[in-house]
Amino acid sequence: MGQAASWMRAIVGGAGVLWLPAEAISSGVFPLLPSSETFGSHVACVDALKAAYAADLGQVAAKAVSPAGDTREVSLDSKGVERLGDGKARYEATLWYHNGGFRLDLKQTETSHSYTHSIRICEGVTMTVSGDQGYTLSTFEPAAVPDNPN
């Protein structure tokens, strides 16, 4: 492999190995499989949108830092349930997950960022769900050396 190892990474799959430039795997987006559900009424469909919003709000967590310097935060980007006219409503949301760990070699906290983006639309009694999941490049912040680094 020699010099190739410094600028290429392997993705191993059932069909073999795929070599990609390291930059090609620094972030990614993966579509969620679309689905639909039928409710007894439009009101019940909208209630399901409201329940999804409440469930997402329940996952939100302010940034917490452990004694070892690890960090965790969950944030929500959404306008909530929106009425789009007669018999149509939607709930679109992005849940962001930020998880960090202290890097003793850099004396910094490296934080990874991933998300789930979902779009739920009620048209009459039918809800369709679509979206994607992904991740971005890690970020780095200066940090004090923790008492017990991992």
N, C-alpha and C. Protein backbone atom coordinates (compact mmCIF):
# COMPACT_ATOMS: atom_id res chain seq x y z
N MET A 1 0.82 -1.18 0.00
CA MET A 1 0.00 0.00 0.00
C MET A 1 0.87 1.25 0.00
N GLY A 2 1.93 1.32 0.77
CA GLY A 2 2.88 2.42 0.75
C GLY A 2 2.25 3.78 0.90
N GLN A 3 2.54 4.70 -0.05
CA GLN A 3 2.06 6.07 0.03
C GLN A 3 0.55 6.17 -0.10
N ALA A 4 -0.08 5.23 -0.74
CA ALA A 4 -1.53 5.29 -0.91
C ALA A 4 -2.25 5.35 0.43
N ALA A 5 -1.68 4.74 1.46
CA ALA A 5 -2.33 4.71 2.76
C ALA A 5 -2.50 6.09 3.35
N SER A 6 -1.64 7.03 3.02
CA SER A 6 -1.72 8.36 3.61
C SER A 6 -2.84 9.20 3.01
N TRP A 7 -3.33 8.86 1.85
CA TRP A 7 -4.39 9.68 1.25
C TRP A 7 -5.62 8.89 0.83
N MET A 8 -5.63 7.61 1.11
CA MET A 8 -6.78 6.79 0.72
C MET A 8 -7.26 5.95 1.90
N ARG A 9 -8.55 5.67 1.91
CA ARG A 9 -9.13 4.81 2.92
C ARG A 9 -9.92 3.72 2.22
N ALA A 10 -10.00 2.57 2.83
CA ALA A 10 -10.75 1.46 2.25
C ALA A 10 -12.11 1.35 2.90
N ILE A 11 -13.10 1.07 2.09
CA ILE A 11 -14.42 0.72 2.58
C ILE A 11 -14.62 -0.72 2.17
N VAL A 12 -14.75 -1.59 3.15
CA VAL A 12 -14.86 -3.01 2.87
C VAL A 12 -16.32 -3.39 2.84
N GLY A 13 -16.74 -4.01 1.77
CA GLY A 13 -18.12 -4.45 1.62
C GLY A 13 -18.16 -5.90 1.19
N GLY A 14 -19.36 -6.40 1.00
CA GLY A 14 -19.54 -7.79 0.60
C GLY A 14 -18.93 -8.08 -0.75
N ALA A 15 -18.82 -7.06 -1.61
CA ALA A 15 -18.32 -7.29 -2.96
C ALA A 15 -16.82 -7.01 -3.09
N GLY A 16 -16.18 -6.62 -2.02
CA GLY A 16 -14.75 -6.34 -2.09
C GLY A 16 -14.39 -5.05 -1.38
N VAL A 17 -13.32 -4.42 -1.84
CA VAL A 17 -12.81 -3.21 -1.21
C VAL A 17 -12.92 -2.07 -2.21
N LEU A 18 -13.41 -0.93 -1.72
CA LEU A 18 -13.50 0.28 -2.54
C LEU A 18 -12.56 1.31 -1.95
N TRP A 19 -11.62 1.79 -2.74
CA TRP A 19 -10.66 2.79 -2.28
C TRP A 19 -11.16 4.18 -2.66
N LEU A 20 -11.21 5.06 -1.66
CA LEU A 20 -11.66 6.43 -1.88
C LEU A 20 -10.67 7.41 -1.29
N PRO A 21 -10.55 8.62 -1.84
CA PRO A 21 -9.74 9.64 -1.17
C PRO A 21 -10.29 9.86 0.23
N ALA A 22 -9.43 10.15 1.20
CA ALA A 22 -9.86 10.34 2.58
C ALA A 22 -10.93 11.41 2.69
N GLU A 23 -10.87 12.45 1.87
CA GLU A 23 -11.85 13.52 1.93
C GLU A 23 -13.25 13.03 1.55
N ALA A 24 -13.34 12.00 0.78
CA ALA A 24 -14.63 11.51 0.30
C ALA A 24 -15.46 10.90 1.42
N ILE A 25 -14.84 10.52 2.52
CA ILE A 25 -15.58 9.90 3.60
C ILE A 25 -15.57 10.75 4.87
N SER A 26 -15.34 12.06 4.73
CA SER A 26 -15.31 12.93 5.89
C SER A 26 -16.69 13.40 6.30
N SER A 27 -17.69 13.22 5.47
CA SER A 27 -19.07 13.50 5.82
C SER A 27 -19.97 12.67 4.91
N GLY A 28 -21.23 12.57 5.27
CA GLY A 28 -22.10 11.76 4.44
C GLY A 28 -23.56 11.97 4.74
N VAL A 29 -24.38 11.58 3.78
CA VAL A 29 -25.84 11.66 3.89
C VAL A 29 -26.42 10.34 3.40
N PHE A 30 -27.34 9.79 4.15
CA PHE A 30 -27.97 8.54 3.80
C PHE A 30 -29.48 8.71 3.85
N PRO A 31 -30.19 8.46 2.77
CA PRO A 31 -31.64 8.67 2.76
C PRO A 31 -32.36 7.67 3.67
N LEU A 32 -33.42 8.14 4.31
CA LEU A 32 -34.30 7.24 5.06
C LEU A 32 -35.31 6.65 4.08
N LEU A 33 -35.68 5.43 4.29
CA LEU A 33 -36.68 4.82 3.43
C LEU A 33 -38.03 5.51 3.64
N PRO A 34 -38.65 5.99 2.56
CA PRO A 34 -39.96 6.64 2.71
C PRO A 34 -40.99 5.64 3.20
N SER A 35 -41.96 6.14 3.97
CA SER A 35 -43.04 5.28 4.45
C SER A 35 -44.31 6.10 4.53
N SER A 36 -45.42 5.41 4.72
CA SER A 36 -46.69 6.11 4.89
C SER A 36 -47.55 5.34 5.88
N GLU A 37 -48.47 6.07 6.48
CA GLU A 37 -49.39 5.47 7.45
C GLU A 37 -50.75 6.14 7.27
N THR A 38 -51.81 5.35 7.40
CA THR A 38 -53.17 5.88 7.27
C THR A 38 -53.81 5.94 8.65
N PHE A 39 -54.46 7.06 8.93
CA PHE A 39 -55.12 7.27 10.21
C PHE A 39 -56.63 7.30 10.01
N GLY A 40 -57.37 7.26 11.10
CA GLY A 40 -58.83 7.28 11.03
C GLY A 40 -59.40 8.63 10.64
N SER A 41 -58.60 9.70 10.83
CA SER A 41 -59.06 11.05 10.50
C SER A 41 -57.85 11.95 10.31
N HIS A 42 -58.09 13.11 9.71
CA HIS A 42 -57.01 14.10 9.57
C HIS A 42 -56.55 14.59 10.95
N VAL A 43 -57.49 14.74 11.86
CA VAL A 43 -57.15 15.18 13.22
C VAL A 43 -56.19 14.17 13.87
N ALA A 44 -56.45 12.88 13.70
CA ALA A 44 -55.57 11.85 14.26
C ALA A 44 -54.19 11.91 13.61
N CYS A 45 -54.14 12.21 12.32
CA CYS A 45 -52.86 12.33 11.62
C CYS A 45 -52.07 13.51 12.19
N VAL A 46 -52.73 14.65 12.38
CA VAL A 46 -52.07 15.83 12.95
C VAL A 46 -51.64 15.55 14.39
N ASP A 47 -52.44 14.82 15.14
CA ASP A 47 -52.04 14.44 16.50
C ASP A 47 -50.75 13.62 16.48
N ALA A 48 -50.58 12.77 15.47
CA ALA A 48 -49.35 11.99 15.33
C ALA A 48 -48.16 12.91 15.02
N LEU A 49 -48.38 13.96 14.23
CA LEU A 49 -47.32 14.95 13.99
C LEU A 49 -46.92 15.62 15.30
N LYS A 50 -47.92 16.00 16.09
CA LYS A 50 -47.65 16.65 17.38
C LYS A 50 -46.91 15.71 18.32
N ALA A 51 -47.25 14.43 18.29
CA ALA A 51 -46.56 13.44 19.13
C ALA A 51 -45.11 13.28 18.70
N ALA A 52 -44.85 13.30 17.39
CA ALA A 52 -43.47 13.21 16.89
C ALA A 52 -42.67 14.42 17.34
N TYR A 53 -43.29 15.60 17.29
CA TYR A 53 -42.62 16.83 17.75
C TYR A 53 -42.29 16.72 19.24
N ALA A 54 -43.26 16.26 20.04
CA ALA A 54 -43.04 16.10 21.48
C ALA A 54 -41.92 15.10 21.76
N ALA A 55 -41.88 14.01 21.01
CA ALA A 55 -40.83 13.01 21.19
C ALA A 55 -39.45 13.60 20.86
N ASP A 56 -39.38 14.39 19.79
CA ASP A 56 -38.11 15.03 19.43
C ASP A 56 -37.68 16.03 20.51
N LEU A 57 -38.63 16.83 21.01
CA LEU A 57 -38.30 17.77 22.08
C LEU A 57 -37.77 17.04 23.32
N GLY A 58 -38.29 15.85 23.56
CA GLY A 58 -37.85 15.05 24.70
C GLY A 58 -36.41 14.56 24.58
N GLN A 59 -35.86 14.56 23.38
CA GLN A 59 -34.48 14.13 23.18
C GLN A 59 -33.47 15.26 23.37
N VAL A 60 -33.94 16.51 23.35
CA VAL A 60 -33.04 17.66 23.46
C VAL A 60 -32.31 17.62 24.80
N ALA A 61 -31.01 17.84 24.76
CA ALA A 61 -30.19 17.84 25.98
C ALA A 61 -29.14 18.93 25.86
N ALA A 62 -29.05 19.77 26.87
CA ALA A 62 -28.04 20.82 26.90
C ALA A 62 -26.65 20.19 26.94
N LYS A 63 -25.66 20.93 26.51
CA LYS A 63 -24.29 20.41 26.49
C LYS A 63 -23.85 20.05 27.91
N ALA A 64 -23.39 18.83 28.06
CA ALA A 64 -22.88 18.34 29.34
C ALA A 64 -21.44 17.90 29.14
N VAL A 65 -20.61 18.17 30.13
CA VAL A 65 -19.19 17.80 30.07
C VAL A 65 -18.89 16.89 31.25
N SER A 66 -18.32 15.72 30.97
CA SER A 66 -17.96 14.78 32.04
C SER A 66 -16.62 15.18 32.65
N PRO A 67 -16.28 14.63 33.81
CA PRO A 67 -14.97 14.93 34.41
C PRO A 67 -13.79 14.55 33.50
N ALA A 68 -14.01 13.56 32.62
CA ALA A 68 -12.94 13.15 31.69
C ALA A 68 -12.85 14.07 30.47
N GLY A 69 -13.77 15.04 30.36
CA GLY A 69 -13.75 15.96 29.23
C GLY A 69 -14.65 15.58 28.07
N ASP A 70 -15.37 14.46 28.20
CA ASP A 70 -16.31 14.06 27.15
C ASP A 70 -17.51 15.01 27.15
N THR A 71 -18.05 15.29 25.96
CA THR A 71 -19.20 16.18 25.86
C THR A 71 -20.33 15.48 25.12
N ARG A 72 -21.55 15.91 25.43
CA ARG A 72 -22.74 15.39 24.75
C ARG A 72 -23.78 16.49 24.71
N GLU A 73 -24.40 16.65 23.54
CA GLU A 73 -25.46 17.63 23.37
C GLU A 73 -26.39 17.15 22.26
N VAL A 74 -27.69 17.40 22.44
CA VAL A 74 -28.67 17.09 21.40
C VAL A 74 -29.51 18.36 21.21
N SER A 75 -29.60 18.81 19.95
CA SER A 75 -30.39 20.01 19.66
C SER A 75 -31.41 19.70 18.56
N LEU A 76 -32.44 20.53 18.51
CA LEU A 76 -33.52 20.34 17.56
C LEU A 76 -33.72 21.61 16.74
N ASP A 77 -33.73 21.47 15.41
CA ASP A 77 -34.07 22.57 14.51
C ASP A 77 -35.43 22.24 13.90
N SER A 78 -36.45 23.04 14.22
CA SER A 78 -37.79 22.78 13.71
C SER A 78 -38.67 24.00 13.95
N LYS A 79 -39.69 24.14 13.11
CA LYS A 79 -40.73 25.16 13.31
C LYS A 79 -41.94 24.54 14.01
N GLY A 80 -41.87 23.27 14.35
CA GLY A 80 -43.01 22.59 14.95
C GLY A 80 -43.99 22.15 13.87
N VAL A 81 -45.19 21.83 14.28
CA VAL A 81 -46.23 21.39 13.35
C VAL A 81 -46.78 22.62 12.63
N GLU A 82 -46.81 22.55 11.30
CA GLU A 82 -47.28 23.66 10.49
C GLU A 82 -48.54 23.25 9.72
N ARG A 83 -49.52 24.11 9.72
CA ARG A 83 -50.73 23.91 8.91
C ARG A 83 -50.45 24.48 7.53
N LEU A 84 -50.69 23.69 6.49
CA LEU A 84 -50.40 24.12 5.12
C LEU A 84 -51.65 24.36 4.30
N GLY A 85 -52.78 24.42 4.96
CA GLY A 85 -54.03 24.60 4.24
C GLY A 85 -55.03 23.57 4.69
N ASP A 86 -56.14 23.55 4.01
CA ASP A 86 -57.23 22.65 4.36
C ASP A 86 -56.81 21.19 4.17
N GLY A 87 -56.79 20.44 5.26
CA GLY A 87 -56.49 19.02 5.16
C GLY A 87 -55.02 18.68 4.97
N LYS A 88 -54.11 19.64 5.20
CA LYS A 88 -52.69 19.36 5.01
C LYS A 88 -51.87 20.01 6.13
N ALA A 89 -50.95 19.24 6.71
CA ALA A 89 -50.07 19.74 7.76
C ALA A 89 -48.74 19.02 7.65
N ARG A 90 -47.71 19.62 8.23
CA ARG A 90 -46.40 18.97 8.17
C ARG A 90 -45.58 19.28 9.40
N TYR A 91 -44.66 18.37 9.66
CA TYR A 91 -43.68 18.56 10.72
C TYR A 91 -42.33 18.17 10.13
N GLU A 92 -41.43 19.14 10.07
CA GLU A 92 -40.08 18.90 9.58
C GLU A 92 -39.10 19.21 10.70
N ALA A 93 -38.14 18.34 10.90
CA ALA A 93 -37.22 18.52 12.01
C ALA A 93 -35.85 17.94 11.69
N THR A 94 -34.85 18.55 12.29
CA THR A 94 -33.50 18.00 12.26
C THR A 94 -33.02 17.90 13.70
N LEU A 95 -32.76 16.67 14.13
CA LEU A 95 -32.15 16.43 15.44
C LEU A 95 -30.65 16.32 15.23
N TRP A 96 -29.89 17.15 15.93
CA TRP A 96 -28.43 17.13 15.85
C TRP A 96 -27.87 16.47 17.10
N TYR A 97 -26.92 15.57 16.90
CA TYR A 97 -26.25 14.87 18.00
C TYR A 97 -24.78 15.27 17.97
N HIS A 98 -24.30 15.87 19.06
CA HIS A 98 -22.91 16.32 19.16
C HIS A 98 -22.25 15.53 20.29
N ASN A 99 -21.25 14.73 19.95
CA ASN A 99 -20.55 13.92 20.95
C ASN A 99 -19.06 14.19 20.84
N GLY A 100 -18.47 14.56 21.97
CA GLY A 100 -17.06 14.92 21.96
C GLY A 100 -16.25 14.14 22.96
N GLY A 101 -14.98 14.07 22.68
CA GLY A 101 -14.05 13.41 23.58
C GLY A 101 -12.74 14.17 23.61
N PHE A 102 -12.12 14.15 24.77
CA PHE A 102 -10.85 14.85 24.93
C PHE A 102 -9.74 14.11 24.19
N ARG A 103 -8.96 14.85 23.39
CA ARG A 103 -7.81 14.30 22.68
C ARG A 103 -6.56 14.75 23.42
N LEU A 104 -5.97 13.84 24.18
CA LEU A 104 -4.78 14.17 24.96
C LEU A 104 -3.63 14.62 24.07
N ASP A 105 -3.51 13.98 22.88
CA ASP A 105 -2.42 14.33 21.97
C ASP A 105 -2.53 15.77 21.46
N LEU A 106 -3.74 16.29 21.35
CA LEU A 106 -3.96 17.65 20.86
C LEU A 106 -4.33 18.64 21.96
N LYS A 107 -4.64 18.10 23.14
CA LYS A 107 -5.16 18.91 24.25
C LYS A 107 -6.38 19.71 23.80
N GLN A 108 -7.24 19.02 23.05
CA GLN A 108 -8.47 19.61 22.53
C GLN A 108 -9.60 18.60 22.63
N THR A 109 -10.81 19.13 22.58
CA THR A 109 -11.98 18.27 22.51
C THR A 109 -12.37 18.11 21.05
N GLU A 110 -12.44 16.88 20.58
CA GLU A 110 -12.90 16.59 19.22
C GLU A 110 -14.37 16.22 19.32
N THR A 111 -15.20 16.93 18.56
CA THR A 111 -16.64 16.69 18.60
C THR A 111 -17.13 16.21 17.25
N SER A 112 -17.83 15.08 17.26
CA SER A 112 -18.45 14.58 16.04
C SER A 112 -19.89 15.08 16.00
N HIS A 113 -20.39 15.29 14.78
CA HIS A 113 -21.73 15.84 14.60
C HIS A 113 -22.50 14.94 13.64
N SER A 114 -23.64 14.45 14.09
CA SER A 114 -24.50 13.65 13.22
C SER A 114 -25.93 14.16 13.38
N TYR A 115 -26.78 13.79 12.44
CA TYR A 115 -28.15 14.29 12.48
C TYR A 115 -29.12 13.31 11.85
N THR A 116 -30.38 13.52 12.20
CA THR A 116 -31.50 12.86 11.54
C THR A 116 -32.47 13.95 11.12
N HIS A 117 -32.74 14.03 9.83
CA HIS A 117 -33.67 15.02 9.28
C HIS A 117 -34.92 14.27 8.81
N SER A 118 -36.06 14.64 9.34
CA SER A 118 -37.29 13.96 8.96
C SER A 118 -38.35 14.96 8.51
N ILE A 119 -39.14 14.53 7.55
CA ILE A 119 -40.26 15.33 7.04
C ILE A 119 -41.49 14.44 7.10
N ARG A 120 -42.47 14.88 7.88
CA ARG A 120 -43.74 14.16 7.99
C ARG A 120 -44.84 15.06 7.46
N ILE A 121 -45.60 14.58 6.52
CA ILE A 121 -46.67 15.37 5.91
C ILE A 121 -47.98 14.61 6.00
N CYS A 122 -48.99 15.27 6.55
CA CYS A 122 -50.34 14.72 6.59
C CYS A 122 -51.15 15.36 5.47
N GLU A 123 -51.65 14.52 4.58
CA GLU A 123 -52.59 14.96 3.55
C GLU A 123 -53.85 14.14 3.77
N GLY A 124 -54.86 14.81 4.29
CA GLY A 124 -56.07 14.08 4.67
C GLY A 124 -55.74 13.13 5.80
N VAL A 125 -55.98 11.84 5.59
CA VAL A 125 -55.76 10.84 6.64
C VAL A 125 -54.43 10.10 6.48
N THR A 126 -53.65 10.47 5.47
CA THR A 126 -52.39 9.76 5.19
C THR A 126 -51.17 10.61 5.56
N MET A 127 -50.28 9.99 6.32
CA MET A 127 -49.00 10.63 6.65
C MET A 127 -47.90 9.96 5.84
N THR A 128 -47.10 10.76 5.17
CA THR A 128 -45.90 10.25 4.51
C THR A 128 -44.68 10.75 5.29
N VAL A 129 -43.69 9.90 5.38
CA VAL A 129 -42.48 10.22 6.12
C VAL A 129 -41.29 10.00 5.20
N SER A 130 -40.40 10.99 5.16
CA SER A 130 -39.16 10.88 4.40
C SER A 130 -38.08 11.62 5.16
N GLY A 131 -36.87 11.59 4.64
CA GLY A 131 -35.79 12.32 5.29
C GLY A 131 -34.44 11.68 5.01
N ASP A 132 -33.48 12.02 5.85
CA ASP A 132 -32.14 11.47 5.71
C ASP A 132 -31.41 11.55 7.04
N GLN A 133 -30.31 10.81 7.09
CA GLN A 133 -29.41 10.84 8.24
C GLN A 133 -28.03 11.17 7.70
N GLY A 134 -27.22 11.80 8.52
CA GLY A 134 -25.89 12.11 8.05
C GLY A 134 -24.96 12.53 9.16
N TYR A 135 -23.77 12.90 8.74
CA TYR A 135 -22.76 13.37 9.68
C TYR A 135 -21.87 14.37 8.95
N THR A 136 -21.19 15.18 9.74
CA THR A 136 -20.30 16.20 9.19
C THR A 136 -18.89 16.00 9.75
N LEU A 137 -17.99 16.82 9.30
CA LEU A 137 -16.63 16.79 9.82
C LEU A 137 -16.63 17.05 11.32
N SER A 138 -15.68 16.48 12.02
CA SER A 138 -15.51 16.78 13.44
C SER A 138 -15.00 18.20 13.59
N THR A 139 -15.30 18.78 14.74
CA THR A 139 -14.75 20.09 15.08
C THR A 139 -13.86 19.93 16.30
N PHE A 140 -12.98 20.91 16.51
CA PHE A 140 -12.01 20.85 17.60
C PHE A 140 -12.07 22.14 18.40
N GLU A 141 -12.01 22.00 19.73
CA GLU A 141 -12.02 23.15 20.62
C GLU A 141 -10.90 22.98 21.65
N PRO A 142 -10.20 24.06 21.97
CA PRO A 142 -9.20 23.96 23.04
C PRO A 142 -9.90 23.56 24.34
N ALA A 143 -9.23 22.77 25.14
CA ALA A 143 -9.81 22.33 26.40
C ALA A 143 -8.71 22.16 27.43
N ALA A 144 -9.08 22.32 28.68
CA ALA A 144 -8.14 22.05 29.77
C ALA A 144 -7.94 20.53 29.85
N VAL A 145 -6.79 20.08 30.28
CA VAL A 145 -6.52 18.66 30.42
C VAL A 145 -7.41 18.11 31.53
N PRO A 146 -8.23 17.09 31.24
CA PRO A 146 -9.11 16.53 32.29
C PRO A 146 -8.30 15.78 33.33
N ASP A 147 -8.92 15.59 34.51
CA ASP A 147 -8.24 14.88 35.59
C ASP A 147 -7.94 13.42 35.21
N ASN A 148 -8.88 12.76 34.53
CA ASN A 148 -8.75 11.35 34.18
C ASN A 148 -9.00 11.16 32.69
N PRO A 149 -8.07 11.53 31.80
CA PRO A 149 -8.34 11.35 30.37
C PRO A 149 -8.47 9.88 30.02
N ASN A 150 -9.36 9.58 29.04
CA ASN A 150 -9.58 8.18 28.61
C ASN A 150 -8.43 7.72 27.76
